[in-house]
Amino acid sequence: MSQWVNNNRGIVNIKIDIDTCTACELCYDRLPEVFVDRGDGIPLVMIKVPIERVYEKLLQTAEDCPSGSIILY
């Protein structure tokens, strides 16, 4: 699932690669303002705050994803 998000840095596309996601729960445990569990451990993008408030944390979470399944572009 992907979603376009507007912020002060331009447009960020957040995509979860469900084919490689290991459902480790890192993303929605660390950043519940952006990710939620869809019920099977795979995250959905559900942005609840202005993205600029969590932008740096989002970058770090994507970098820390063990399977590299959070793709930002």
Protein backbone atom coordinates (compact mmCIF):
# COMPACT_ATOMS: atom_id res chain seq x y z
CA MET A 1 0.00 0.00 0.00
CA SER A 2 1.33 3.46 -0.72
CA GLN A 3 0.17 6.97 -0.05
CA TRP A 4 1.34 10.40 -1.22
CA VAL A 5 2.05 12.81 1.59
CA ASN A 6 2.64 16.55 1.27
CA ASN A 7 5.15 18.20 3.58
CA ASN A 8 7.54 21.14 3.63
CA ARG A 9 10.20 19.10 1.85
CA GLY A 10 7.99 18.38 -1.14
CA ILE A 11 6.08 15.16 -1.65
CA VAL A 12 7.04 11.92 0.08
CA ASN A 13 5.71 8.62 -1.12
CA ILE A 14 5.54 5.99 1.60
CA LYS A 15 5.28 2.45 0.34
CA ILE A 16 5.27 -0.84 2.23
CA ASP A 17 6.55 -3.80 0.24
CA ILE A 18 4.26 -6.51 1.60
CA ASP A 19 6.19 -9.18 -0.30
CA THR A 20 9.33 -8.58 1.76
CA CYS A 21 7.83 -7.33 5.05
CA THR A 22 8.54 -9.73 7.92
CA ALA A 23 5.80 -8.26 10.16
CA CYS A 24 8.38 -7.42 12.84
CA GLU A 25 6.14 -4.57 14.11
CA LEU A 26 9.03 -2.07 14.27
CA CYS A 27 7.30 0.58 12.16
CA TYR A 28 3.99 0.83 13.98
CA ASP A 29 5.56 0.29 17.40
CA ARG A 30 8.01 3.13 16.77
CA LEU A 31 5.77 5.40 14.68
CA PRO A 32 2.07 4.80 15.42
CA GLU A 33 1.36 8.28 14.03
CA VAL A 34 2.09 6.91 10.54
CA PHE A 35 1.70 3.12 10.55
CA VAL A 36 -1.00 0.76 11.87
CA ASP A 37 -1.25 -3.02 11.92
CA ARG A 38 -3.69 -4.26 9.29
CA GLY A 39 -4.43 -7.28 11.49
CA ASP A 40 -1.80 -9.75 10.32
CA GLY A 41 1.35 -7.89 11.34
CA ILE A 42 1.75 -6.12 8.00
CA PRO A 43 1.59 -2.32 8.39
CA LEU A 44 -0.70 0.09 6.63
CA VAL A 45 0.11 3.75 6.09
CA MET A 46 -2.39 5.73 8.18
CA ILE A 47 -1.02 9.21 8.79
CA LYS A 48 -2.52 10.85 11.87
CA VAL A 49 -0.28 13.92 12.24
CA PRO A 50 1.32 16.42 9.86
CA ILE A 51 4.19 14.47 8.30
CA GLU A 52 6.69 17.26 8.94
CA ARG A 53 6.31 16.58 12.70
CA VAL A 54 7.59 13.01 12.28
CA TYR A 55 9.65 13.30 9.11
CA GLU A 56 13.07 12.63 10.67
CA LYS A 57 11.69 9.72 12.71
CA LEU A 58 10.09 8.36 9.53
CA LEU A 59 13.45 8.44 7.74
CA GLN A 60 15.12 6.64 10.64
CA THR A 61 12.36 4.02 10.86
CA ALA A 62 12.64 3.29 7.14
CA GLU A 63 16.41 2.96 7.51
CA ASP A 64 16.05 0.65 10.52
CA CYS A 65 13.46 -1.63 8.90
CA PRO A 66 15.19 -5.05 8.98
CA SER A 67 13.68 -6.18 5.68
CA GLY A 68 13.96 -2.81 3.92
CA SER A 69 10.24 -2.92 3.25
CA ILE A 70 9.52 0.76 4.03
CA ILE A 71 10.29 2.65 0.85
CA LEU A 72 10.34 6.45 0.80
CA TYR A 73 10.66 8.42 -2.42
